[in-house]
Structures are given as C-alpha cells and as structure tokens.
Protein backbone atom coordinates (compact mmCIF):
# COMPACT_ATOMS: atom_id res chain seq x y z
CA MET A 1 -0.07 0.07 -0.03
CA ASP A 2 1.41 3.39 -1.02
CA LEU A 3 1.19 5.76 2.06
CA LEU A 4 1.38 9.03 -0.09
CA THR A 5 -1.41 7.81 -2.41
CA GLU A 6 -3.62 6.82 0.64
CA LEU A 7 -3.05 10.04 2.48
CA ARG A 8 -3.92 11.99 -0.50
CA HIS A 9 -7.16 9.92 -0.83
CA ARG A 10 -7.99 10.15 2.72
CA LYS A 11 -7.05 13.64 3.29
CA VAL A 12 -7.14 13.52 7.17
CA LEU A 13 -4.59 12.01 9.63
CA ALA A 14 -5.96 11.81 13.08
CA ILE A 15 -3.55 12.52 15.84
CA ILE A 16 -4.42 10.60 18.89
CA ARG A 17 -3.14 11.68 22.30
CA THR A 18 -4.76 10.35 25.39
CA ASP A 19 -4.37 9.62 28.99
CA GLY A 20 -3.82 6.11 28.49
CA PRO A 21 -3.91 2.92 26.09
CA ASP A 22 -7.38 2.04 26.76
CA ARG A 23 -8.82 5.61 25.92
CA ALA A 24 -6.55 5.75 22.89
CA LEU A 25 -8.18 2.36 21.59
CA ASP A 26 -11.64 3.83 22.47
CA CYS A 27 -10.72 6.90 20.20
CA VAL A 28 -9.25 4.83 17.45
CA ARG A 29 -12.45 2.57 17.30
CA THR A 30 -14.70 5.60 17.34
CA LEU A 31 -12.84 7.47 14.56
CA ILE A 32 -12.83 4.33 12.33
CA ASP A 33 -16.46 3.79 12.95
CA ALA A 34 -16.90 7.44 11.90
CA GLY A 35 -15.07 6.77 8.58
CA ILE A 36 -11.52 8.22 9.46
CA THR A 37 -9.04 5.47 8.53
CA ALA A 38 -5.73 7.00 8.92
CA LEU A 39 -4.43 7.24 12.52
CA GLU A 40 -1.46 8.20 14.33
CA ILE A 41 -1.01 7.09 18.14
CA SER A 42 1.20 9.59 19.70
CA LEU A 43 3.86 8.37 22.08
CA THR A 44 2.98 11.04 24.35
CA THR A 45 0.13 8.70 25.33
CA PRO A 46 1.14 6.53 28.43
CA GLY A 47 1.20 3.09 26.89
CA GLY A 48 1.21 4.19 23.40
CA VAL A 49 3.08 1.40 22.04
CA ASP A 50 0.74 -1.12 23.53
CA ALA A 51 -2.12 0.80 22.10
CA ILE A 52 -0.54 0.65 18.75
CA ALA A 53 0.05 -3.16 18.88
CA LYS A 54 -3.55 -3.61 20.00
CA ALA A 55 -5.08 -1.46 17.15
CA ARG A 56 -3.11 -3.17 14.64
CA SER A 57 -4.32 -6.49 15.89
CA GLU A 58 -7.95 -5.44 15.52
CA TYR A 59 -7.93 -4.10 12.14
CA ASP A 60 -6.86 -5.09 8.60
CA PRO A 61 -4.18 -3.26 6.62
CA THR A 62 -6.66 -1.03 4.88
CA ILE A 63 -6.71 1.16 8.14
CA LEU A 64 -3.68 2.98 8.43
CA ILE A 65 -2.23 3.07 11.98
CA GLY A 66 1.12 4.74 12.71
CA ALA A 67 3.35 5.99 15.72
CA GLY A 68 3.64 9.77 16.41
CA THR A 69 6.14 11.71 18.44
CA VAL A 70 8.86 9.23 17.77
CA VAL A 71 12.08 10.95 18.97
CA THR A 72 14.60 8.16 19.80
CA ALA A 73 15.96 5.27 17.95
CA ALA A 74 14.63 2.81 20.86
CA GLN A 75 11.01 4.34 20.21
CA ALA A 76 11.36 3.65 16.30
CA ASP A 77 12.42 -0.03 17.13
CA GLU A 78 9.53 -0.29 19.79
CA VAL A 79 6.74 0.92 17.34
CA ALA A 80 8.29 -1.39 14.48
CA ALA A 81 7.87 -4.29 16.70
CA ALA A 82 4.34 -3.12 17.69
CA GLY A 83 3.45 -3.26 13.97
CA ALA A 84 3.32 0.54 13.26
CA GLY A 85 2.71 1.06 9.42
CA PHE A 86 4.54 4.34 9.54
CA VAL A 87 6.38 6.91 11.76
CA VAL A 88 5.61 10.51 12.53
CA THR A 89 8.23 12.78 14.18
CA PRO A 90 8.14 16.28 15.31
CA ALA A 91 11.50 17.11 13.68
CA ILE A 92 14.55 15.22 12.24
CA THR A 93 15.13 13.05 15.16
CA ARG A 94 17.25 10.10 16.04
CA GLY A 95 13.90 8.29 15.57
CA ALA A 96 13.55 9.67 12.05
CA HIS A 97 16.85 8.24 11.12
CA ARG A 98 16.24 4.83 12.69
CA SER A 99 12.83 4.62 10.91
CA VAL A 100 14.53 5.13 7.53
CA ASP A 101 17.03 2.54 8.46
CA LEU A 102 14.01 0.12 9.40
CA GLY A 103 12.43 0.87 6.09
CA LEU A 104 9.35 2.32 7.90
CA PRO A 105 7.64 5.22 6.15
CA LEU A 106 8.40 8.38 7.76
CA LEU A 107 6.39 11.61 8.14
CA CYS A 108 9.05 13.85 9.16
CA GLY A 109 8.60 17.13 10.97
CA ALA A 110 10.15 20.35 9.69
CA LEU A 111 9.23 23.91 9.10
CA THR A 112 11.99 25.94 7.05
CA PRO A 113 12.77 25.18 3.54
CA THR A 114 16.25 23.90 4.81
CA GLU A 115 14.53 21.48 7.09
CA VAL A 116 12.15 20.30 4.46
CA VAL A 117 15.11 19.59 1.99
CA ALA A 118 17.06 17.70 4.91
CA ALA A 119 14.13 15.53 5.69
CA LEU A 120 13.63 14.49 2.11
CA ASP A 121 17.30 13.89 1.84
CA LEU A 122 17.12 11.72 4.83
CA GLY A 123 14.59 9.54 3.02
CA ALA A 124 11.36 10.78 4.54
CA THR A 125 8.22 9.66 2.64
CA ALA A 126 6.79 13.04 3.29
CA VAL A 127 7.22 16.23 5.39
CA LYS A 128 5.09 17.26 8.16
CA ILE A 129 5.11 21.07 8.32
CA PHE A 130 4.67 21.63 11.82
CA PRO A 131 3.32 23.81 13.51
CA ALA A 132 1.51 24.78 10.29
CA LYS A 133 -0.57 27.62 12.01
CA VAL A 134 2.50 29.71 12.37
CA TYR A 135 2.65 30.68 8.82
CA GLY A 136 -0.80 29.44 7.52
CA PRO A 137 -1.74 28.00 4.17
CA SER A 138 -0.09 30.62 2.13
CA TYR A 139 3.15 29.25 3.33
CA PHE A 140 2.71 26.17 1.69
CA ARG A 141 2.28 27.91 -1.75
CA GLU A 142 5.52 29.54 -0.93
CA LEU A 143 7.07 26.40 -0.09
CA ARG A 144 6.00 24.67 -3.26
CA ALA A 145 7.23 27.23 -5.57
CA PRO A 146 10.89 26.11 -5.32
CA LEU A 147 9.88 22.47 -4.17
CA PRO A 148 6.86 21.53 -6.40
CA GLU A 149 7.47 17.77 -5.90
CA ALA A 150 7.85 18.04 -2.15
CA PRO A 151 4.93 15.99 -0.50
CA LEU A 152 3.93 18.18 2.46
CA LEU A 153 1.46 17.45 5.20
CA ALA A 154 -0.06 20.38 7.37
CA VAL A 155 -0.16 19.68 11.12
CA GLY A 156 -0.53 21.93 14.03
CA GLY A 157 -3.50 24.05 14.65
CA VAL A 158 -5.38 22.71 11.65
CA ASP A 159 -9.14 22.76 12.26
CA ALA A 160 -12.21 22.02 10.05
CA GLN A 161 -12.43 25.66 8.85
CA THR A 162 -8.84 25.83 7.70
CA ALA A 163 -8.22 22.30 6.57
CA PRO A 164 -9.67 22.95 3.12
CA GLU A 165 -7.36 25.92 2.82
CA TYR A 166 -4.28 23.81 3.57
CA LEU A 167 -5.33 21.30 0.74
CA ALA A 168 -6.00 24.04 -1.84
CA ALA A 169 -2.49 25.62 -0.95
CA GLY A 170 -0.76 22.28 -1.89
CA ALA A 171 -0.81 20.15 1.14
CA LEU A 172 -1.58 16.50 0.29
CA ALA A 173 -3.41 15.71 3.70
CA VAL A 174 -3.86 17.27 7.05
CA GLY A 175 -3.04 16.07 10.54
CA VAL A 176 -5.40 16.90 13.28
CA GLY A 177 -5.10 16.54 16.86
CA SER A 178 -7.10 18.48 19.49
CA PRO A 179 -9.48 20.19 17.16
CA LEU A 180 -10.62 16.78 16.13
CA LEU A 181 -9.93 14.95 19.51
CA GLY A 182 -11.17 17.62 21.95
CA ASP A 183 -11.60 16.27 25.29
CA ALA A 184 -12.25 12.53 24.24
CA GLY A 185 -8.64 11.64 25.11
CA THR A 186 -9.24 12.43 28.74
CA GLY A 187 -12.64 11.00 29.23
CA GLY A 188 -14.84 13.34 27.11
CA SER A 189 -17.71 12.18 24.99
CA LEU A 190 -16.84 9.72 22.18
CA THR A 191 -20.17 10.64 20.59
CA ALA A 192 -19.08 14.20 20.25
CA LEU A 193 -15.70 12.88 18.83
CA ALA A 194 -17.76 10.99 16.14
CA ASP A 195 -19.68 14.15 15.36
CA ARG A 196 -16.55 16.16 14.90
CA ALA A 197 -15.13 13.38 12.77
CA ALA A 198 -18.18 13.53 10.56
CA GLY A 199 -17.91 17.27 10.32
CA PHE A 200 -14.28 17.08 9.04
CA ARG A 201 -15.25 14.42 6.52
CA ALA A 202 -18.14 16.56 5.27
CA THR A 203 -15.76 19.65 4.95
CA LEU A 204 -13.22 17.81 3.16
CA GLY A 205 -15.56 15.74 1.01
CA VAL A 206 -14.24 12.43 2.04
C-alpha cells in the first residue's frame, strides 16, 4: 500500500493523544467507525506502544495505523515491533533516522525550507510542516514554488475551517489533533468525537 497515495485519498490523519492506552483504543475505534481510517497514536500517550499493537491486531491493513512523536531510535524499534505502519516525528530526530534504517515510511517534521530538504534527503516519505498555523496556508504555496514535488502535510493548529485551505494550497493531507479529538482523550464524549469526525469528513468531501 502506497502511503502517499492513501493519504492524498483520505485527506485526514487523526492524531491521537490520550491519558492511557485503553482510551486511545476507544478513540481509534470511534474514529474508524466514523470513517477516519488514517490514524497516528502519539507516544506521548502512556502505553502508546501497547495501544498501537492492540489497534493493529484489531484492524486489517486498509486501516492505516502509525506511531507519532517518535524521537529516539529505541522508540522507532519499539513501534516497528508493535506493527506501526508508519512513523511521524516532530523534527529530524534520531527516531527519524532509525525509522528510515528500518524501512518504515516516515512523515518527518520540519518547518523551514532547509529542514524540508534535509528531511527529504534523509529519506522521508513526506514532510510534516509543523506547526503549520505559524505561517498558515499561504506558506505552503511559498514552499511549493521552489519545491513543487515535495509531499507536504499540514499539522499543528489545523481545524475543520482551515483544513480545506491547506489542501488548496498544496498540502497532500492534514494531520489533526486537538481540534478533532477535543476532550475525548481524557474521558470526554466519544459521541462528540464521532460528530467532529463527521464534520471534518463533510468539510473535506471524504
């Protein structure tokens, strides 16, 4: 399965940060039931590696399940063993280098043009522009002028209102955390989470 093709098609990558692995799984199940099928479980979640392994065991490969906030090489090894289908990093971390060594598709965090090029030179599958809200959608147009082939994701402060603007400006997909998850990660309503997921899908036409 080609990760870039799938992200372009699905348009939304849900970023799941919760207070524990059981709640992470609850959010994963809710989002998948609501039609969001590309998900990143952040390792800032206590027990995040276990949540990745359990989620991967529950769903077939058409559901994209990756690991987020991978900073160290040891974390990359752990999520690979847990069955993560891809790795997301906040920057060009040791975890990013190790993920490439392991052959795991890498969505590598960057912000400046120099960092974007360095991430691609490292072997990133795509570059996560983070935090995207610092410069907004227009920044993607500026980046794509000298780097028209660079596969870019918008992550950080992207909500249902701005998500279409990032896609129109050249992002292949958007990664969405708190504007989608809300308080669901700490015991909030899963029904409300499903409603927010439906809102994102409707806005983006997926």
